[in-house]
Amino acid sequence: MRPASRRQARWPRDEEDGRPVYEIDWLLPDGRKLEVTLDARSGAWLKLEGPRLETAFRGSAPGGGGRP
């Protein structure tokens, strides 16, 4: 049996303040679009923008938890 091949996703990379970043558009089930900016080197979340962010992830935890 051969080991599974490794694949790497590639997307266009931008720069913000001289730092390489990934900018991702995330479409939620209710139609809202979130814009996520990640540090391309560390993977750290740098920015999250979109409408009604306070409810974007409510109830998304296993068991429907979410934050109070």
N, C-alpha and C. Protein backbone atom coordinates (compact mmCIF):
# COMPACT_ATOMS: atom_id res chain seq x y z
N MET A 1 0.84 -1.18 0.00
CA MET A 1 0.00 0.00 0.00
C MET A 1 0.89 1.24 0.00
N ARG A 2 0.58 2.19 -0.89
CA ARG A 2 1.34 3.42 -0.96
C ARG A 2 0.76 4.46 -0.01
N PRO A 3 1.62 5.28 0.60
CA PRO A 3 1.10 6.35 1.47
C PRO A 3 0.33 7.38 0.64
N ALA A 4 -0.65 8.01 1.26
CA ALA A 4 -1.44 9.04 0.59
C ALA A 4 -0.53 10.22 0.22
N SER A 5 -0.77 10.77 -0.93
CA SER A 5 0.04 11.92 -1.35
C SER A 5 -0.38 13.15 -0.56
N ARG A 6 0.56 14.05 -0.36
CA ARG A 6 0.27 15.30 0.35
C ARG A 6 -0.03 16.36 -0.69
N ARG A 7 -1.06 17.13 -0.44
CA ARG A 7 -1.42 18.24 -1.33
C ARG A 7 -1.42 19.51 -0.53
N GLN A 8 -1.08 20.56 -1.19
CA GLN A 8 -1.02 21.86 -0.53
C GLN A 8 -1.90 22.84 -1.30
N ALA A 9 -2.79 23.49 -0.56
CA ALA A 9 -3.66 24.49 -1.19
C ALA A 9 -2.81 25.74 -1.46
N ARG A 10 -3.09 26.36 -2.57
CA ARG A 10 -2.39 27.61 -2.90
C ARG A 10 -3.40 28.64 -3.29
N TRP A 11 -3.24 29.80 -2.74
CA TRP A 11 -4.06 30.91 -3.17
C TRP A 11 -3.24 32.16 -3.33
N PRO A 12 -3.80 33.11 -4.08
CA PRO A 12 -3.04 34.35 -4.27
C PRO A 12 -2.74 35.00 -2.91
N ARG A 13 -1.56 35.49 -2.79
CA ARG A 13 -1.14 36.10 -1.53
C ARG A 13 -1.00 37.60 -1.74
N ASP A 14 -1.44 38.37 -0.76
CA ASP A 14 -1.33 39.83 -0.81
C ASP A 14 -0.33 40.26 0.26
N GLU A 15 -0.12 41.56 0.33
CA GLU A 15 0.71 42.12 1.39
C GLU A 15 -0.06 43.22 2.10
N GLU A 16 0.10 43.27 3.41
CA GLU A 16 -0.52 44.30 4.23
C GLU A 16 0.54 44.80 5.20
N ASP A 17 0.84 46.06 5.13
CA ASP A 17 1.91 46.65 5.96
C ASP A 17 3.24 45.92 5.76
N GLY A 18 3.52 45.50 4.51
CA GLY A 18 4.77 44.81 4.20
C GLY A 18 4.81 43.36 4.63
N ARG A 19 3.71 42.83 5.16
CA ARG A 19 3.65 41.46 5.66
C ARG A 19 2.81 40.63 4.69
N PRO A 20 3.26 39.42 4.30
CA PRO A 20 2.45 38.60 3.41
C PRO A 20 1.20 38.09 4.14
N VAL A 21 0.04 38.23 3.49
CA VAL A 21 -1.23 37.82 4.10
C VAL A 21 -2.07 37.05 3.08
N TYR A 22 -2.98 36.24 3.60
CA TYR A 22 -4.02 35.61 2.80
C TYR A 22 -5.32 36.33 3.13
N GLU A 23 -6.08 36.68 2.10
CA GLU A 23 -7.38 37.29 2.30
C GLU A 23 -8.43 36.31 1.81
N ILE A 24 -9.33 35.92 2.69
CA ILE A 24 -10.31 34.88 2.41
C ILE A 24 -11.71 35.44 2.57
N ASP A 25 -12.58 35.22 1.61
CA ASP A 25 -14.00 35.56 1.72
C ASP A 25 -14.72 34.30 2.17
N TRP A 26 -15.47 34.38 3.27
CA TRP A 26 -16.13 33.24 3.87
C TRP A 26 -17.63 33.49 3.80
N LEU A 27 -18.36 32.66 3.08
CA LEU A 27 -19.80 32.82 2.93
C LEU A 27 -20.53 31.97 3.97
N LEU A 28 -21.34 32.63 4.81
CA LEU A 28 -22.10 31.94 5.85
C LEU A 28 -23.41 31.39 5.29
N PRO A 29 -24.01 30.40 5.94
CA PRO A 29 -25.26 29.81 5.45
C PRO A 29 -26.39 30.82 5.25
N ASP A 30 -26.38 31.91 6.03
CA ASP A 30 -27.46 32.90 5.90
C ASP A 30 -27.18 33.94 4.81
N GLY A 31 -26.09 33.75 4.05
CA GLY A 31 -25.77 34.64 2.94
C GLY A 31 -24.79 35.75 3.25
N ARG A 32 -24.47 35.95 4.53
CA ARG A 32 -23.50 37.00 4.89
C ARG A 32 -22.11 36.58 4.43
N LYS A 33 -21.29 37.58 4.07
CA LYS A 33 -19.91 37.32 3.68
C LYS A 33 -18.97 37.92 4.70
N LEU A 34 -18.07 37.10 5.24
CA LEU A 34 -17.04 37.58 6.15
C LEU A 34 -15.75 37.68 5.37
N GLU A 35 -14.94 38.67 5.70
CA GLU A 35 -13.64 38.83 5.09
C GLU A 35 -12.59 38.58 6.17
N VAL A 36 -11.79 37.53 5.98
CA VAL A 36 -10.79 37.12 6.96
C VAL A 36 -9.41 37.41 6.38
N THR A 37 -8.54 38.01 7.18
CA THR A 37 -7.16 38.24 6.78
C THR A 37 -6.27 37.45 7.73
N LEU A 38 -5.42 36.58 7.16
CA LEU A 38 -4.52 35.73 7.93
C LEU A 38 -3.07 36.08 7.61
N ASP A 39 -2.21 35.99 8.63
CA ASP A 39 -0.78 36.14 8.41
C ASP A 39 -0.31 34.91 7.62
N ALA A 40 0.31 35.12 6.45
CA ALA A 40 0.70 34.00 5.59
C ALA A 40 1.81 33.15 6.19
N ARG A 41 2.59 33.71 7.10
CA ARG A 41 3.68 32.95 7.71
C ARG A 41 3.25 32.16 8.93
N SER A 42 2.49 32.80 9.81
CA SER A 42 2.14 32.15 11.09
C SER A 42 0.74 31.55 11.10
N GLY A 43 -0.13 32.02 10.20
CA GLY A 43 -1.52 31.56 10.21
C GLY A 43 -2.40 32.32 11.19
N ALA A 44 -1.82 33.31 11.89
CA ALA A 44 -2.59 34.07 12.88
C ALA A 44 -3.67 34.91 12.19
N TRP A 45 -4.85 34.99 12.85
CA TRP A 45 -5.94 35.84 12.35
C TRP A 45 -5.55 37.28 12.63
N LEU A 46 -5.53 38.10 11.58
CA LEU A 46 -5.19 39.52 11.74
C LEU A 46 -6.43 40.40 11.74
N LYS A 47 -7.42 40.01 10.95
CA LYS A 47 -8.60 40.85 10.81
C LYS A 47 -9.80 39.99 10.44
N LEU A 48 -10.96 40.36 10.97
CA LEU A 48 -12.23 39.73 10.62
C LEU A 48 -13.23 40.85 10.43
N GLU A 49 -13.80 40.94 9.22
CA GLU A 49 -14.77 42.00 8.92
C GLU A 49 -16.02 41.39 8.32
N GLY A 50 -17.14 42.03 8.58
CA GLY A 50 -18.40 41.59 7.99
C GLY A 50 -19.57 42.12 8.80
N PRO A 51 -20.78 41.96 8.26
CA PRO A 51 -21.97 42.45 8.96
C PRO A 51 -22.35 41.57 10.15
N ARG A 52 -22.78 42.22 11.21
CA ARG A 52 -23.30 41.54 12.40
C ARG A 52 -22.36 40.44 12.90
N LEU A 53 -21.09 40.79 13.12
CA LEU A 53 -20.10 39.81 13.57
C LEU A 53 -20.47 39.17 14.91
N GLU A 54 -21.20 39.92 15.75
CA GLU A 54 -21.54 39.39 17.07
C GLU A 54 -22.41 38.13 16.98
N THR A 55 -23.04 37.90 15.82
CA THR A 55 -23.87 36.70 15.67
C THR A 55 -23.30 35.71 14.65
N ALA A 56 -22.14 36.01 14.09
CA ALA A 56 -21.59 35.18 13.00
C ALA A 56 -21.35 33.74 13.42
N PHE A 57 -20.90 33.50 14.64
CA PHE A 57 -20.58 32.14 15.07
C PHE A 57 -21.46 31.64 16.20
N ARG A 58 -22.49 32.38 16.52
CA ARG A 58 -23.39 31.98 17.60
C ARG A 58 -24.04 30.65 17.25
N GLY A 59 -23.98 29.71 18.20
CA GLY A 59 -24.60 28.41 18.00
C GLY A 59 -23.81 27.48 17.09
N SER A 60 -22.56 27.84 16.74
CA SER A 60 -21.78 26.99 15.85
C SER A 60 -20.96 25.95 16.60
N ALA A 61 -20.89 26.07 17.93
CA ALA A 61 -20.14 25.10 18.71
C ALA A 61 -20.93 23.79 18.78
N PRO A 62 -20.22 22.66 18.93
CA PRO A 62 -20.94 21.37 19.08
C PRO A 62 -21.97 21.47 20.19
N GLY A 63 -23.16 21.00 19.92
CA GLY A 63 -24.23 21.06 20.91
C GLY A 63 -24.97 22.39 20.87
N GLY A 64 -24.63 23.25 19.89
CA GLY A 64 -25.33 24.52 19.75
C GLY A 64 -24.97 25.56 20.78
N GLY A 65 -23.80 25.40 21.42
CA GLY A 65 -23.38 26.28 22.50
C GLY A 65 -23.27 27.73 22.12
N GLY A 66 -22.17 28.12 21.57
CA GLY A 66 -21.95 29.53 21.27
C GLY A 66 -21.68 30.30 22.53
N ARG A 67 -21.34 31.56 22.39
CA ARG A 67 -21.08 32.40 23.58
C ARG A 67 -22.36 33.04 24.04
N PRO A 68 -22.46 33.26 25.36
CA PRO A 68 -23.67 33.93 25.87
C PRO A 68 -23.75 35.36 25.45
